[in-house]
Amino acid sequence: MNNLFDIKGYVVAITGGTGVLGRTIAKYLAVNGAKVIILGRKEDMGREIVADIKAAGGECEFLKTDVMNQEVVQQNCDYIVGKYGRIDTLLNAAGGNMKGATIAPDQNFFDLEASQFQTVLNLNLTGTVIPTQVFLKPMVAQGKGSIINFSSMAAFRPMTRVCGYAAAKAGISNFTAFMATECAKKFGEGIRVNAIAPGFFITEQNRSLLTNPDGTFTQRGQDVIRQTPFGRMGDPEELCGTIHYLMSDAAKFVTGTVAVVDGGFNAFAM
């Protein structure tokens, strides 16, 4: 029997690939034989990541993109398919938050800025829909492909503060289930759509929210640790195994699921 986890030669596109989580996953996949294309906005950072991955023996390149611009994403896709002949996996890791879409402890709902709430919805949710629509086309043409979206703990629980981000991530979980059915029914079982829901990992976006300048946890960070049975934050590398599984033939009968990688956060009740 073939190795169900073999991803050598897989062509993988990662939106938001210059973030802490995206770059870690990109390096892991490339070192394990995948041909990785990082899509992001930060060209200097992209070049640094590519150089690091190549130094580790992986195949990788960077393309500048804007997940909110369908024409740009289409150009990215056309380039990838033109060069590699196919696209096996799309990881929709692009996203983010804005201050106006959050409600601080000293604020209330009336302080929410509707325009920034809309921007956060667009970046996270529409920024997943557009790349999915574009990259799905060559997958349908080749009869096989895997799309993995990035949900969040905030999609499961109405956490304080992150009003816009939570709404967007809940939408991504719902969109994942919708697309799994849509693709299976209309394009066949070769197209799978799943999501991963990371627990709490220290990234550039949440570092100041969860940690103090001296590295100790803020009150918010302490609350997370108290809610997490493992008693710690996650390491970015701990997402790689689940991503590897979902994109490989080991998950051939898996679609429409949201895989939780959270140290028990979502299971804890008291």
Protein backbone atom coordinates (compact mmCIF):
# COMPACT_ATOMS: atom_id res chain seq x y z
CA MET A 1 0.00 0.00 0.00
CA ASN A 2 1.25 3.50 -0.80
CA ASN A 3 2.20 5.85 2.02
CA LEU A 4 -1.08 7.68 2.67
CA PHE A 5 0.81 10.63 4.15
CA ASP A 6 3.15 11.12 1.19
CA ILE A 7 2.97 14.75 -0.01
CA LYS A 8 6.11 14.80 -2.12
CA GLY A 9 5.53 16.88 -5.22
CA TYR A 10 2.28 18.41 -3.94
CA VAL A 11 1.84 21.97 -5.17
CA VAL A 12 0.65 24.02 -2.19
CA ALA A 13 -0.45 27.66 -2.12
CA ILE A 14 -0.62 29.41 1.25
CA THR A 15 -2.33 32.79 1.61
CA GLY A 16 -1.13 34.76 4.61
CA GLY A 17 2.03 32.72 4.41
CA THR A 18 4.28 35.40 5.90
CA GLY A 19 2.64 35.18 9.33
CA VAL A 20 4.12 33.17 12.19
CA LEU A 21 1.80 30.22 11.65
CA GLY A 22 1.85 30.35 7.85
CA ARG A 23 5.63 30.45 7.53
CA THR A 24 6.06 27.58 10.00
CA ILE A 25 3.61 25.41 8.09
CA ALA A 26 5.19 26.41 4.76
CA LYS A 27 8.64 25.33 5.92
CA TYR A 28 7.40 22.02 7.28
CA LEU A 29 5.56 21.16 4.06
CA ALA A 30 8.47 22.18 1.84
CA VAL A 31 11.01 20.17 3.83
CA ASN A 32 8.67 17.19 3.48
CA GLY A 33 8.69 17.42 -0.28
CA ALA A 34 5.87 19.80 -1.21
CA LYS A 35 6.35 22.66 -3.66
CA VAL A 36 5.21 25.63 -1.63
CA ILE A 37 4.08 29.00 -2.94
CA ILE A 38 3.67 31.64 -0.25
CA LEU A 39 1.12 34.34 -1.07
CA GLY A 40 1.32 37.52 0.97
CA ARG A 41 1.66 41.29 1.01
CA LYS A 42 5.09 41.68 2.63
CA GLU A 43 7.67 41.14 -0.11
CA ASP A 44 10.76 41.56 2.09
CA MET A 45 9.43 39.12 4.63
CA GLY A 46 8.42 36.74 1.84
CA ARG A 47 11.95 36.72 0.41
CA GLU A 48 13.42 36.02 3.86
CA ILE A 49 11.08 33.08 4.37
CA VAL A 50 11.85 31.66 0.93
CA ALA A 51 15.58 31.91 1.59
CA ASP A 52 15.18 30.15 4.95
CA ILE A 53 13.13 27.34 3.43
CA LYS A 54 15.54 26.86 0.53
CA ALA A 55 18.45 26.73 2.96
CA ALA A 56 16.64 23.89 4.72
CA GLY A 57 16.36 21.99 1.44
CA GLY A 58 12.77 22.84 0.54
CA GLU A 59 11.27 24.19 -2.68
CA CYS A 60 9.47 27.48 -2.20
CA GLU A 61 8.70 30.82 -3.81
CA PHE A 62 6.83 34.00 -2.90
CA LEU A 63 4.11 35.80 -4.82
CA LYS A 64 2.72 39.16 -3.77
CA THR A 65 -1.05 39.08 -3.50
CA ASP A 66 -4.16 40.78 -2.20
CA VAL A 67 -6.78 38.25 -1.13
CA MET A 68 -9.46 40.93 -1.51
CA ASN A 69 -8.63 41.46 -5.19
CA GLN A 70 -9.92 38.62 -7.37
CA GLU A 71 -7.93 39.78 -10.40
CA VAL A 72 -4.65 39.65 -8.48
CA VAL A 73 -5.44 36.25 -6.96
CA GLN A 74 -6.33 34.96 -10.44
CA GLN A 75 -2.95 36.13 -11.72
CA ASN A 76 -1.28 34.27 -8.86
CA CYS A 77 -3.21 31.11 -9.70
CA ASP A 78 -2.49 31.36 -13.42
CA TYR A 79 1.22 31.70 -12.70
CA ILE A 80 1.26 28.68 -10.37
CA VAL A 81 -0.69 26.42 -12.72
CA GLY A 82 1.38 27.63 -15.67
CA LYS A 83 4.64 26.79 -13.92
CA TYR A 84 3.73 23.64 -11.98
CA GLY A 85 0.86 22.29 -14.06
CA ARG A 86 -1.52 21.83 -11.14
CA ILE A 87 -2.52 22.99 -7.66
CA ASP A 88 -3.03 20.30 -5.04
CA THR A 89 -3.72 22.24 -1.86
CA LEU A 90 -4.86 25.74 -0.92
CA LEU A 91 -4.33 26.90 2.66
CA ASN A 92 -6.42 29.98 3.42
CA ALA A 93 -4.36 31.41 6.27
CA ALA A 94 -4.78 35.12 5.49
CA GLY A 95 -6.63 37.12 8.12
CA GLY A 96 -6.32 39.62 10.91
CA ASN A 97 -8.06 42.00 13.27
CA MET A 98 -8.46 45.73 13.85
CA LYS A 99 -8.81 47.76 17.02
CA GLY A 100 -12.14 49.29 15.99
CA ALA A 101 -13.65 45.82 15.53
CA THR A 102 -12.86 44.90 19.13
CA ILE A 103 -14.44 45.97 22.42
CA ALA A 104 -11.90 46.69 25.16
CA PRO A 105 -12.72 46.07 28.85
CA ASP A 106 -13.36 49.80 29.38
CA GLN A 107 -15.68 49.97 26.34
CA ASN A 108 -19.08 48.61 25.42
CA PHE A 109 -20.90 47.60 22.25
CA PHE A 110 -21.63 51.23 21.30
CA ASP A 111 -17.88 51.80 20.86
CA LEU A 112 -17.67 49.23 18.07
CA GLU A 113 -16.76 50.86 14.75
CA ALA A 114 -19.00 49.38 12.06
CA SER A 115 -16.59 50.25 9.23
CA GLN A 116 -13.71 48.37 10.84
CA PHE A 117 -16.05 45.52 11.78
CA GLN A 118 -16.86 45.25 8.05
CA THR A 119 -13.18 45.40 7.12
CA VAL A 120 -12.36 42.52 9.47
CA LEU A 121 -15.24 40.49 8.06
CA ASN A 122 -13.98 41.13 4.54
CA LEU A 123 -10.34 40.34 5.28
CA ASN A 124 -11.04 37.06 7.06
CA LEU A 125 -14.20 35.75 5.41
CA THR A 126 -14.26 37.27 1.92
CA GLY A 127 -10.47 36.89 1.92
CA THR A 128 -11.12 33.15 2.19
CA VAL A 129 -13.99 33.03 -0.31
CA ILE A 130 -12.09 34.75 -3.16
CA PRO A 131 -8.97 32.49 -3.16
CA THR A 132 -11.24 29.46 -2.78
CA GLN A 133 -13.24 30.44 -5.85
CA VAL A 134 -10.10 31.07 -7.90
CA PHE A 135 -8.01 28.04 -6.91
CA LEU A 136 -10.94 25.65 -6.95
CA LYS A 137 -11.22 25.88 -10.74
CA PRO A 138 -7.97 24.05 -11.58
CA MET A 139 -8.72 21.52 -8.83
CA VAL A 140 -12.06 20.74 -10.46
CA ALA A 141 -10.36 20.46 -13.86
CA GLN A 142 -7.82 17.95 -12.54
CA GLY A 143 -10.43 16.09 -10.45
CA LYS A 144 -8.60 16.34 -7.15
CA GLY A 145 -7.67 18.96 -4.60
CA SER A 146 -7.82 19.95 -0.96
CA ILE A 147 -8.74 23.30 0.53
CA ILE A 148 -7.97 24.00 4.18
CA ASN A 149 -9.40 27.12 5.80
CA PHE A 150 -8.33 28.71 9.06
CA SER A 151 -11.04 28.99 11.68
CA SER A 152 -10.49 29.83 15.35
CA MET A 153 -11.51 29.12 18.92
CA ALA A 154 -13.52 32.33 18.60
CA ALA A 155 -15.77 30.54 16.10
CA PHE A 156 -16.90 28.12 18.82
CA ARG A 157 -17.27 30.49 21.75
CA PRO A 158 -18.43 34.12 21.85
CA MET A 159 -15.21 35.41 23.42
CA THR A 160 -15.11 38.88 24.89
CA ARG A 161 -13.47 41.71 22.93
CA VAL A 162 -13.02 40.12 19.48
CA CYS A 163 -16.47 40.87 18.08
CA GLY A 164 -15.61 41.24 14.37
CA TYR A 165 -12.94 38.54 14.26
CA ALA A 166 -15.20 36.00 15.99
CA ALA A 167 -18.06 36.68 13.60
CA ALA A 168 -15.74 36.25 10.62
CA LYS A 169 -14.23 33.00 11.89
CA ALA A 170 -17.67 31.57 12.67
CA GLY A 171 -18.50 32.40 9.06
CA ILE A 172 -15.41 30.52 7.87
CA SER A 173 -16.46 27.38 9.76
CA ASN A 174 -19.90 27.60 8.19
CA PHE A 175 -18.43 28.31 4.75
CA THR A 176 -16.17 25.27 5.10
CA ALA A 177 -19.13 22.97 5.69
CA PHE A 178 -21.07 24.58 2.85
CA MET A 179 -18.21 24.22 0.37
CA ALA A 180 -17.52 20.61 1.37
CA THR A 181 -21.06 19.70 0.37
CA GLU A 182 -21.09 21.96 -2.68
CA CYS A 183 -17.88 20.46 -4.06
CA ALA A 184 -18.70 16.82 -3.30
CA LYS A 185 -22.18 17.04 -4.81
CA LYS A 186 -21.22 18.99 -7.93
CA PHE A 187 -17.57 18.17 -8.60
CA GLY A 188 -17.07 14.74 -7.07
CA GLU A 189 -15.36 13.23 -4.07
CA GLY A 190 -11.89 14.24 -5.25
CA ILE A 191 -12.37 17.79 -3.95
CA ARG A 192 -12.25 18.12 -0.17
CA VAL A 193 -12.76 21.22 1.97
CA ASN A 194 -11.85 21.27 5.65
CA ALA A 195 -10.68 23.77 8.24
CA ILE A 196 -8.28 23.90 11.14
CA ALA A 197 -9.12 25.77 14.34
CA PRO A 198 -5.95 26.66 16.23
CA GLY A 199 -6.09 27.26 19.94
CA PHE A 200 -3.88 30.02 21.30
CA PHE A 201 -0.49 30.54 19.70
CA ILE A 202 1.67 33.63 20.17
CA THR A 203 1.76 35.57 16.89
CA GLU A 204 2.63 39.14 15.95
CA GLN A 205 -1.08 39.97 15.94
CA ASN A 206 -1.85 38.84 19.48
CA ARG A 207 1.53 39.14 21.22
CA SER A 208 0.72 42.43 22.97
CA LEU A 209 -2.73 41.15 23.94
CA LEU A 210 -1.46 37.96 25.56
CA THR A 211 2.00 38.91 26.86
CA ASN A 212 3.66 41.81 28.62
CA PRO A 213 6.94 43.37 27.37
CA ASP A 214 8.85 41.21 29.89
CA GLY A 215 7.32 38.02 28.46
CA THR A 216 4.92 37.34 31.32
CA PHE A 217 1.26 36.79 30.52
CA THR A 218 -1.27 39.59 30.61
CA GLN A 219 -4.58 39.00 32.37
CA ARG A 220 -5.95 37.87 29.01
CA GLY A 221 -3.05 35.46 28.59
CA GLN A 222 -3.56 34.08 32.09
CA ASP A 223 -7.24 33.52 31.31
CA VAL A 224 -6.26 31.50 28.23
CA ILE A 225 -3.81 29.35 30.20
CA ARG A 226 -6.43 28.72 32.88
CA GLN A 227 -8.91 27.59 30.21
CA THR A 228 -6.38 25.31 28.47
CA PRO A 229 -5.95 21.86 30.12
CA PHE A 230 -2.42 21.58 28.75
CA GLY A 231 -1.60 24.73 30.73
CA ARG A 232 0.37 26.47 27.98
CA MET A 233 0.18 28.21 24.63
CA GLY A 234 0.68 26.16 21.50
CA ASP A 235 3.88 26.00 19.44
CA PRO A 236 3.34 26.81 15.73
CA GLU A 237 4.96 23.50 14.74
CA GLU A 238 2.09 21.69 16.50
CA LEU A 239 -0.27 22.68 13.70
CA CYS A 240 1.80 20.98 11.00
CA GLY A 241 0.72 17.40 11.63
CA THR A 242 -2.98 18.20 11.31
CA ILE A 243 -2.40 20.21 8.13
CA HIS A 244 -0.30 17.36 6.71
CA TYR A 245 -3.06 14.86 7.48
CA LEU A 246 -5.90 16.95 6.02
CA MET A 247 -4.12 17.58 2.72
CA SER A 248 -2.92 14.00 2.25
CA ASP A 249 -4.70 10.87 1.05
CA ALA A 250 -4.82 9.77 4.69
CA ALA A 251 -7.84 12.11 4.92
CA LYS A 252 -9.36 10.93 1.64
CA PHE A 253 -12.80 10.41 3.24
CA VAL A 254 -12.65 13.56 5.37
CA THR A 255 -14.46 16.70 4.26
CA GLY A 256 -16.49 19.45 5.91
CA THR A 257 -14.78 19.14 9.28
CA VAL A 258 -13.11 21.70 11.52
CA ALA A 259 -10.08 20.09 13.16
CA VAL A 260 -9.37 21.57 16.57
CA VAL A 261 -5.73 21.92 17.70
CA ASP A 262 -6.02 23.68 21.03
CA GLY A 263 -4.54 21.77 23.98
CA GLY A 264 -8.06 21.07 25.18
CA PHE A 265 -9.26 24.70 25.32
CA ASN A 266 -12.57 24.04 23.60
CA ALA A 267 -13.28 20.93 25.69
CA PHE A 268 -12.78 22.56 29.07
CA ALA A 269 -16.03 23.41 30.86
CA MET A 270 -15.15 24.59 34.39
